[in-house]
Amino acid sequence: MKNEGIEFQTCTLENGIRLVHKQVDSPVAHCGIIINTGSRDEEEKEHGLTHLIEHCIFKGTTKRKAFHILSRMEDIGGELNAYTTKEETCVHTSFFNNYYARAFELINDLVFNSVFPPKEIQKEKEVVIDEINSYKDSPFEQIFDDFDEQIFINHPIARNILGTAESLNNIDRDMILDFYHKRYCTTQMVVSSVGKLNFNKVKWYFEKYFSHIPKREPDRIRTVYDNSNYKNSEITIKKDTYQAHCILGAPAYSYNDERRLILHLLNNYIGGPGLNSTLNLILREKRGYAYNVESNYTSYSDTGIIIIYFGTDKKDLKKCISLTHKELIKLSTKALGANQLSRAKKQLTGQIAISAENNENQMLSIGKSLLVYDKVDDLGTICKKIDAITAKQIMEVASDIFDPQNLSTLIYL
């Protein structure tokens, strides 16, 4: 329960399922369930299974067939969706506020009553294999999966989320049910909600549809990745493409590391979504070497990864790599000036504030925060943490992460 003035309200059922809710003045509500299991929790023979489950839960429950599942929210103008990452599975929906009961009941039905019909499993395997093939046709997307394998070699987190045609064809219904019962655990679930209803009403629906679920705790321990085992590498793969695609990167901080927010700020400064990011100015605006330049930092429970990507004409590849290394060395050896640091902080806090205006994004964000940290920071708290970051801290993190001896490179040429 929240105290007066606190933005987010939470509660926990006896079975371990948690609820977080934010009341907003909007006719549209968003809710979802986030489960702390993803592709990295699969054994090698199960590769692609988590994502396949995400597809198959829409194909029939003890109460509904596939058509009725899809129609349940769409008949009232709502949307129903799901996604899988390396560490989470999420089912979520958007709808008019007066359909909260329908939304909670449907999410409950999908997550706890799916029957995984054998014929539908086979159909979804074919759908996912088409999805895999579409990625193979896109070097921009394929290179990120290949780089994960290069960085986290021989570890479950290295494997792509979709699986392979071979691994999917070896998965059967018994494997799905076994994984589902072992990994879809109530103590690792958060129901997240953003809508106009007050907390007591949302809590009433939450208890009605989720309190009767038997408590289930995980019986598998996630295989930990140790960053100290990492060795940098350089790989070039010949591809029949017009452009050269290049990634530079390395393992980074987990979401429990205190330096995580500093790296988020640094990542945003280097190659975030703003067109004034350092690498975008250096490679695109000033020299016209690249159309797409970006930097991404993803944190996991025990590690993380930072990636700098650009696509360029093959004749400009070496120049782009050299300029990127030069800028990273500069960030590692020279502190940002007061004006640079102030602009970087304002830009990141502004982006976070704008993202929070999207209620669906906020629903997903606060749900993951409660799942990972068992708390949700409000915007003011996050801004204070960003404002406390110093130029020296940024330089130290840049030196740690972007040491030339630490960076790996993957090139499609």
Protein backbone atom coordinates (compact mmCIF):
# COMPACT_ATOMS: atom_id res chain seq x y z
CA MET A 1 0.00 0.00 0.00
CA LYS A 2 1.33 3.49 -0.71
CA ASN A 3 1.79 6.39 1.63
CA GLU A 4 0.35 9.80 0.68
CA GLY A 5 2.36 11.38 -2.11
CA ILE A 6 4.07 8.20 -3.29
CA GLU A 7 3.50 7.61 -6.99
CA PHE A 8 3.36 3.80 -7.17
CA GLN A 9 1.37 1.36 -5.04
CA THR A 10 2.22 -2.29 -4.51
CA CYS A 11 1.04 -5.42 -2.76
CA THR A 12 2.02 -9.11 -2.66
CA LEU A 13 -0.21 -12.18 -2.56
CA GLU A 14 0.53 -15.19 -0.35
CA ASN A 15 1.58 -17.13 -3.47
CA GLY A 16 4.29 -14.53 -4.17
CA ILE A 17 2.74 -12.73 -7.16
CA ARG A 18 3.27 -8.98 -6.81
CA LEU A 19 1.19 -6.06 -8.06
CA VAL A 20 2.34 -2.52 -8.90
CA HIS A 21 -0.14 0.15 -9.98
CA LYS A 22 0.00 3.79 -11.00
CA GLN A 23 -3.22 5.77 -11.18
CA VAL A 24 -3.39 8.17 -14.14
CA ASP A 25 -6.10 10.37 -15.59
CA SER A 26 -6.54 8.61 -18.92
CA PRO A 27 -9.43 6.74 -20.55
CA VAL A 28 -7.01 3.98 -21.61
CA ALA A 29 -5.42 1.51 -19.20
CA HIS A 30 -2.50 -0.87 -19.64
CA CYS A 31 -1.68 -3.98 -17.68
CA GLY A 32 0.55 -7.01 -18.03
CA ILE A 33 2.30 -9.81 -16.25
CA ILE A 34 6.10 -10.00 -16.33
CA ILE A 35 7.74 -13.32 -15.53
CA ASN A 36 11.37 -13.68 -14.54
CA THR A 37 12.25 -16.34 -17.08
CA GLY A 38 13.72 -15.97 -20.55
CA SER A 39 15.81 -17.64 -23.21
CA ARG A 40 18.94 -17.79 -21.04
CA ASP A 41 17.07 -20.15 -18.67
CA GLU A 42 16.83 -22.82 -21.36
CA GLU A 43 19.07 -25.85 -21.57
CA GLU A 44 20.86 -26.29 -24.89
CA LYS A 45 18.29 -28.83 -26.11
CA GLU A 46 15.52 -26.33 -25.23
CA HIS A 47 16.90 -23.49 -27.38
CA GLY A 48 13.99 -21.33 -28.54
CA LEU A 49 11.49 -22.92 -26.16
CA THR A 50 10.66 -19.80 -24.11
CA HIS A 51 9.80 -17.79 -27.21
CA LEU A 52 7.79 -20.71 -28.59
CA ILE A 53 5.78 -20.83 -25.34
CA GLU A 54 5.05 -17.12 -25.73
CA HIS A 55 3.56 -17.89 -29.16
CA CYS A 56 1.65 -20.97 -28.04
CA ILE A 57 -0.15 -19.51 -25.02
CA PHE A 58 -2.37 -17.67 -27.51
CA LYS A 59 -3.39 -20.94 -29.18
CA GLY A 60 -5.81 -22.32 -26.63
CA THR A 61 -6.61 -22.58 -22.93
CA THR A 62 -8.93 -24.78 -20.89
CA LYS A 63 -11.61 -22.10 -21.45
CA ARG A 64 -10.90 -20.65 -24.91
CA LYS A 65 -9.79 -21.51 -28.43
CA ALA A 66 -7.33 -19.30 -30.30
CA PHE A 67 -10.03 -17.20 -32.01
CA HIS A 68 -11.74 -16.40 -28.72
CA ILE A 69 -8.41 -15.42 -27.13
CA LEU A 70 -7.64 -12.95 -29.92
CA SER A 71 -11.19 -11.60 -29.96
CA ARG A 72 -11.50 -11.16 -26.22
CA MET A 73 -9.70 -7.79 -26.18
CA GLU A 74 -9.95 -6.82 -29.84
CA ASP A 75 -13.77 -7.02 -29.74
CA ILE A 76 -13.74 -4.05 -27.36
CA GLY A 77 -11.01 -2.17 -29.25
CA GLY A 78 -8.19 -3.35 -27.03
CA GLU A 79 -4.80 -4.79 -27.91
CA LEU A 80 -3.13 -7.97 -26.69
CA ASN A 81 0.55 -8.72 -27.08
CA ALA A 82 3.56 -10.51 -25.62
CA TYR A 83 7.34 -10.57 -25.85
CA THR A 84 10.32 -12.64 -24.75
CA THR A 85 13.78 -11.41 -23.80
CA LYS A 86 16.82 -13.24 -22.45
CA GLU A 87 15.53 -12.86 -18.91
CA GLU A 88 11.80 -12.07 -19.06
CA THR A 89 8.53 -13.15 -20.62
CA CYS A 90 5.67 -10.65 -20.70
CA VAL A 91 1.99 -10.78 -21.68
CA HIS A 92 0.30 -7.37 -21.79
CA THR A 93 -2.85 -5.63 -22.97
CA SER A 94 -4.25 -2.12 -23.51
CA PHE A 95 -7.97 -1.28 -23.16
CA PHE A 96 -10.61 1.19 -21.98
CA ASN A 97 -10.56 1.50 -18.19
CA ASN A 98 -13.96 -0.13 -17.72
CA TYR A 99 -12.56 -3.48 -18.97
CA TYR A 100 -10.05 -4.14 -16.19
CA ALA A 101 -11.82 -7.33 -15.11
CA ARG A 102 -11.72 -8.68 -18.66
CA ALA A 103 -8.01 -7.85 -18.99
CA PHE A 104 -6.96 -9.45 -15.68
CA GLU A 105 -9.07 -12.54 -16.31
CA LEU A 106 -7.63 -13.05 -19.79
CA ILE A 107 -4.02 -12.64 -18.67
CA ASN A 108 -4.68 -15.15 -15.91
CA ASP A 109 -6.19 -17.58 -18.41
CA LEU A 110 -3.29 -17.31 -20.85
CA VAL A 111 -0.52 -17.70 -18.28
CA PHE A 112 -2.06 -20.39 -16.07
CA ASN A 113 -4.54 -22.33 -18.25
CA SER A 114 -2.84 -22.75 -21.63
CA VAL A 115 -3.12 -26.28 -23.02
CA PHE A 116 -0.53 -26.13 -25.83
CA PRO A 117 -2.42 -28.09 -28.52
CA PRO A 118 0.05 -30.28 -30.50
CA LYS A 119 -1.24 -29.11 -33.90
CA GLU A 120 -0.88 -25.47 -32.87
CA ILE A 121 2.62 -26.09 -31.56
CA GLN A 122 3.65 -27.36 -34.99
CA LYS A 123 2.07 -24.35 -36.71
CA GLU A 124 3.88 -21.92 -34.41
CA LYS A 125 7.19 -23.68 -35.00
CA GLU A 126 6.77 -22.91 -38.69
CA VAL A 127 5.88 -19.30 -37.89
CA VAL A 128 8.99 -18.88 -35.72
CA ILE A 129 11.20 -20.53 -38.36
CA ASP A 130 9.92 -17.92 -40.84
CA GLU A 131 10.80 -15.27 -38.25
CA ILE A 132 14.31 -16.74 -37.95
CA ASN A 133 14.74 -16.67 -41.73
CA SER A 134 13.62 -13.04 -41.88
CA TYR A 135 16.38 -12.16 -39.40
CA LYS A 136 18.92 -13.97 -41.57
CA ASP A 137 17.85 -11.74 -44.47
CA SER A 138 18.62 -8.64 -42.39
CA PRO A 139 22.33 -8.22 -41.58
CA PHE A 140 21.49 -5.23 -39.35
CA GLU A 141 19.52 -7.55 -37.05
CA GLN A 142 21.61 -10.72 -37.45
CA ILE A 143 24.86 -9.05 -36.43
CA PHE A 144 23.56 -8.30 -32.91
CA ASP A 145 22.78 -11.98 -32.28
CA ASP A 146 26.16 -13.02 -33.66
CA PHE A 147 27.91 -10.51 -31.41
CA ASP A 148 26.16 -11.89 -28.32
CA GLU A 149 27.52 -15.33 -29.24
CA GLN A 150 30.97 -13.84 -29.68
CA ILE A 151 30.95 -12.09 -26.30
CA PHE A 152 29.23 -14.71 -24.14
CA ILE A 153 30.69 -17.71 -25.94
CA ASN A 154 29.48 -21.14 -24.69
CA HIS A 155 27.11 -19.58 -22.15
CA PRO A 156 23.27 -19.77 -22.28
CA ILE A 157 23.00 -15.97 -22.50
CA ALA A 158 24.93 -16.13 -25.79
CA ARG A 159 22.15 -17.97 -27.59
CA ASN A 160 19.61 -15.98 -29.60
CA ILE A 161 16.03 -15.84 -28.35
CA LEU A 162 14.33 -17.45 -31.37
CA GLY A 163 16.27 -20.72 -31.49
CA THR A 164 17.11 -22.57 -34.71
CA ALA A 165 15.02 -24.63 -37.08
CA GLU A 166 16.74 -27.75 -35.77
CA SER A 167 16.26 -26.94 -32.08
CA LEU A 168 12.61 -26.00 -32.57
CA ASN A 169 11.84 -29.19 -34.48
CA ASN A 170 13.22 -31.20 -31.55
CA ILE A 171 10.88 -29.54 -29.02
CA ASP A 172 7.68 -31.41 -28.18
CA ARG A 173 4.69 -30.74 -25.93
CA ASP A 174 6.16 -32.64 -22.99
CA MET A 175 9.25 -30.41 -23.06
CA ILE A 176 7.04 -27.33 -23.13
CA LEU A 177 4.98 -28.48 -20.16
CA ASP A 178 8.07 -29.47 -18.18
CA PHE A 179 9.73 -26.08 -18.76
CA TYR A 180 6.49 -24.23 -18.06
CA HIS A 181 5.98 -25.92 -14.68
CA LYS A 182 9.60 -25.39 -13.67
CA ARG A 183 10.08 -21.80 -14.80
CA TYR A 184 6.68 -20.04 -14.66
CA CYS A 185 6.88 -19.50 -10.89
CA THR A 186 4.51 -17.30 -8.89
CA THR A 187 7.35 -15.92 -6.76
CA GLN A 188 8.94 -14.64 -9.98
CA MET A 189 5.88 -12.81 -11.37
CA VAL A 190 4.72 -9.19 -11.28
CA VAL A 191 1.36 -7.87 -12.49
CA SER A 192 1.80 -4.25 -13.56
CA SER A 193 -0.97 -1.72 -14.15
CA VAL A 194 -1.33 1.90 -15.24
CA GLY A 195 -4.88 3.24 -15.45
CA LYS A 196 -7.59 5.49 -14.05
CA LEU A 197 -8.90 3.07 -11.43
CA ASN A 198 -7.81 3.64 -7.85
CA PHE A 199 -5.47 1.15 -6.23
CA ASN A 200 -8.09 -0.53 -4.04
CA LYS A 201 -10.24 -1.41 -7.07
CA VAL A 202 -7.25 -2.71 -9.06
CA LYS A 203 -6.11 -4.69 -6.01
CA TRP A 204 -9.59 -6.24 -5.75
CA TYR A 205 -9.37 -7.50 -9.35
CA PHE A 206 -5.81 -8.66 -8.75
CA GLU A 207 -6.81 -10.71 -5.72
CA LYS A 208 -9.89 -12.11 -7.49
CA TYR A 209 -7.98 -13.44 -10.48
CA PHE A 210 -4.54 -14.28 -9.07
CA SER A 211 -4.82 -15.15 -5.35
CA HIS A 212 -6.08 -18.71 -5.99
CA ILE A 213 -2.99 -19.71 -8.01
CA PRO A 214 -0.90 -22.26 -6.05
CA LYS A 215 2.49 -20.97 -4.94
CA ARG A 216 5.32 -22.17 -7.14
CA GLU A 217 9.02 -21.45 -6.63
CA PRO A 218 11.84 -22.05 -9.15
CA ASP A 219 13.73 -25.34 -8.94
CA ARG A 220 16.46 -24.33 -11.39
CA ILE A 221 19.29 -21.92 -10.67
CA ARG A 222 20.20 -19.52 -13.49
CA THR A 223 23.71 -20.19 -14.83
CA VAL A 224 25.79 -17.17 -13.84
CA TYR A 225 28.09 -15.44 -16.31
CA ASP A 226 31.45 -14.32 -14.90
CA ASN A 227 32.82 -11.26 -16.73
CA SER A 228 36.34 -12.21 -15.65
CA ASN A 229 36.21 -15.17 -18.07
CA TYR A 230 35.79 -12.84 -21.06
CA LYS A 231 38.55 -12.43 -23.66
CA ASN A 232 38.25 -9.86 -26.40
CA SER A 233 38.21 -10.99 -30.05
CA GLU A 234 38.01 -9.65 -33.59
CA ILE A 235 35.94 -11.50 -36.18
CA THR A 236 35.20 -10.64 -39.82
CA ILE A 237 32.48 -12.51 -41.70
CA LYS A 238 32.11 -12.23 -45.47
CA LYS A 239 28.59 -11.23 -46.48
CA ASP A 240 27.02 -10.40 -49.82
CA THR A 241 25.95 -6.90 -48.77
CA TYR A 242 26.44 -3.39 -50.16
CA GLN A 243 27.39 -2.00 -46.77
CA ALA A 244 29.90 -3.06 -44.17
CA HIS A 245 28.25 -3.60 -40.77
CA CYS A 246 30.38 -3.25 -37.66
CA ILE A 247 29.91 -3.73 -33.92
CA LEU A 248 32.38 -2.83 -31.19
CA GLY A 249 31.54 -3.81 -27.63
CA ALA A 250 32.22 -5.72 -24.45
CA PRO A 251 30.57 -7.19 -21.38
CA ALA A 252 29.27 -4.51 -19.03
CA TYR A 253 27.65 -4.01 -15.63
CA SER A 254 24.74 -6.03 -14.25
CA TYR A 255 21.59 -4.27 -13.10
CA ASN A 256 22.79 -4.63 -9.50
CA ASP A 257 26.01 -2.71 -10.15
CA GLU A 258 26.05 0.84 -8.77
CA ARG A 259 27.85 2.02 -11.92
CA ARG A 260 24.93 0.97 -14.12
CA LEU A 261 23.33 4.44 -14.24
CA ILE A 262 26.68 6.06 -15.01
CA LEU A 263 27.08 3.73 -17.99
CA HIS A 264 23.54 4.52 -19.14
CA LEU A 265 24.46 8.21 -19.17
CA LEU A 266 27.72 7.53 -20.98
CA ASN A 267 26.01 5.26 -23.51
CA ASN A 268 23.39 7.92 -24.22
CA TYR A 269 26.12 10.53 -24.73
CA ILE A 270 28.08 8.29 -27.12
CA GLY A 271 25.35 6.97 -29.37
CA GLY A 272 21.90 7.33 -27.87
CA PRO A 273 18.73 8.22 -29.79
CA GLY A 274 19.55 11.92 -29.97
CA LEU A 275 20.92 13.13 -33.30
CA ASN A 276 23.49 15.12 -31.31
CA SER A 277 25.12 11.99 -29.90
CA THR A 278 28.91 12.11 -30.16
CA LEU A 279 29.33 9.30 -32.69
CA ASN A 280 26.42 10.47 -34.82
CA LEU A 281 28.05 13.90 -35.07
CA ILE A 282 31.50 12.47 -35.81
CA LEU A 283 30.58 9.72 -38.29
CA ARG A 284 27.41 11.01 -39.92
CA GLU A 285 26.93 14.75 -39.59
CA LYS A 286 30.56 15.83 -39.97
CA ARG A 287 31.83 13.27 -42.50
CA GLY A 288 28.82 11.48 -43.99
CA TYR A 289 30.37 8.06 -43.39
CA ALA A 290 27.32 6.35 -41.89
CA TYR A 291 23.54 6.59 -42.06
CA ASN A 292 22.86 4.56 -38.91
CA VAL A 293 25.04 4.94 -35.80
CA GLU A 294 23.93 3.77 -32.39
CA SER A 295 25.08 2.63 -28.99
CA ASN A 296 23.10 0.27 -26.75
CA TYR A 297 23.63 -0.87 -23.17
CA THR A 298 21.65 -3.83 -21.80
CA SER A 299 22.00 -4.97 -18.20
CA TYR A 300 21.16 -8.46 -16.96
CA SER A 301 21.01 -10.03 -13.50
CA ASP A 302 24.71 -10.98 -13.47
CA THR A 303 26.30 -9.15 -16.40
CA GLY A 304 25.52 -6.73 -19.21
CA ILE A 305 26.65 -5.81 -22.68
CA ILE A 306 27.42 -2.53 -24.43
CA ILE A 307 27.38 -2.35 -28.20
CA ILE A 308 28.38 0.37 -30.65
CA TYR A 309 27.00 -0.29 -34.13
CA PHE A 310 27.37 1.47 -37.46
CA GLY A 311 26.80 0.60 -41.10
CA THR A 312 29.08 2.24 -43.65
CA ASP A 313 30.45 2.00 -47.16
CA LYS A 314 33.14 -0.66 -47.20
CA LYS A 315 35.79 1.84 -48.24
CA ASP A 316 35.07 3.94 -45.10
CA LEU A 317 35.06 1.06 -42.61
CA LYS A 318 38.61 1.47 -41.28
CA LYS A 319 38.16 5.22 -40.92
CA CYS A 320 34.93 4.72 -38.93
CA ILE A 321 36.57 2.20 -36.61
CA SER A 322 39.57 4.47 -36.08
CA LEU A 323 37.42 7.51 -35.32
CA THR A 324 35.28 5.50 -32.89
CA HIS A 325 38.32 4.20 -30.99
CA LYS A 326 39.76 7.72 -30.88
CA GLU A 327 36.58 9.10 -29.31
CA LEU A 328 36.36 6.26 -26.75
CA ILE A 329 39.98 6.83 -25.71
CA LYS A 330 39.23 10.53 -25.35
CA LEU A 331 36.28 9.81 -23.06
CA SER A 332 38.52 7.50 -21.01
CA THR A 333 41.31 10.02 -20.53
CA LYS A 334 39.65 13.45 -20.50
CA ALA A 335 36.76 14.42 -18.25
CA LEU A 336 33.66 16.02 -19.76
CA GLY A 337 33.48 19.76 -19.28
CA ALA A 338 30.81 21.26 -17.01
CA ASN A 339 28.60 22.30 -19.96
CA GLN A 340 28.97 18.90 -21.69
CA LEU A 341 28.08 17.07 -18.49
CA SER A 342 25.09 19.31 -17.80
CA ARG A 343 23.73 18.81 -21.33
CA ALA A 344 24.23 15.04 -21.10
CA LYS A 345 22.30 14.88 -17.83
CA LYS A 346 19.47 17.08 -19.09
CA GLN A 347 19.17 15.03 -22.26
CA LEU A 348 18.92 11.69 -20.42
CA THR A 349 16.46 12.94 -17.80
CA GLY A 350 14.37 14.52 -20.55
CA GLN A 351 14.26 11.26 -22.50
CA ILE A 352 13.23 9.34 -19.36
CA ALA A 353 10.50 11.89 -18.62
CA ILE A 354 9.14 11.70 -22.17
CA SER A 355 9.17 7.89 -22.05
CA ALA A 356 7.23 8.01 -18.78
CA GLU A 357 4.51 10.01 -20.57
CA ASN A 358 3.78 6.86 -22.59
CA ASN A 359 1.62 4.92 -20.16
CA GLU A 360 2.22 1.56 -21.85
CA ASN A 361 5.99 2.05 -21.61
CA GLN A 362 5.62 3.05 -17.98
CA MET A 363 3.52 -0.01 -17.17
CA LEU A 364 6.24 -2.28 -18.57
CA SER A 365 9.01 -0.27 -16.90
CA ILE A 366 7.55 -0.25 -13.38
CA GLY A 367 6.69 -3.93 -13.66
CA LYS A 368 10.27 -4.85 -14.51
CA SER A 369 11.60 -2.55 -11.79
CA LEU A 370 9.50 -4.28 -9.14
CA LEU A 371 10.49 -7.68 -10.53
CA VAL A 372 14.21 -6.88 -10.44
CA TYR A 373 14.61 -4.47 -7.50
CA ASP A 374 11.41 -5.08 -5.52
CA LYS A 375 10.83 -1.31 -5.63
CA VAL A 376 10.01 1.44 -8.12
CA ASP A 377 11.79 4.80 -8.12
CA ASP A 378 9.77 7.83 -9.14
CA LEU A 379 11.04 10.28 -11.76
CA GLY A 380 12.31 12.71 -9.15
CA THR A 381 14.47 10.05 -7.49
CA ILE A 382 15.92 8.94 -10.82
CA CYS A 383 16.73 12.55 -11.79
CA LYS A 384 18.53 13.10 -8.47
CA LYS A 385 20.66 10.01 -9.06
CA ILE A 386 21.57 11.22 -12.56
CA ASP A 387 22.34 14.71 -11.31
CA ALA A 388 24.75 13.27 -8.72
CA ILE A 389 26.95 11.66 -11.40
CA THR A 390 30.35 13.34 -11.76
CA ALA A 391 32.63 13.81 -14.75
CA LYS A 392 35.27 11.76 -12.95
CA GLN A 393 32.88 8.82 -12.55
CA ILE A 394 32.05 8.91 -16.26
CA MET A 395 35.74 8.94 -17.18
CA GLU A 396 36.42 5.99 -14.83
CA VAL A 397 33.58 3.95 -16.32
CA ALA A 398 34.70 4.80 -19.87
CA SER A 399 38.25 3.71 -18.99
CA ASP A 400 36.95 0.44 -17.52
CA ILE A 401 34.53 -0.49 -20.31
CA PHE A 402 36.19 1.02 -23.39
CA ASP A 403 39.77 -0.05 -22.78
CA PRO A 404 41.03 -0.97 -26.30
CA GLN A 405 42.26 -4.28 -24.86
CA ASN A 406 38.72 -4.98 -23.64
CA LEU A 407 36.73 -4.26 -26.79
CA SER A 408 35.68 -6.96 -29.24
CA THR A 409 34.86 -6.31 -32.88
CA LEU A 410 32.52 -8.05 -35.30
CA ILE A 411 32.42 -7.01 -38.95
CA TYR A 412 30.16 -8.10 -41.79
CA LEU A 413 32.13 -7.30 -44.91
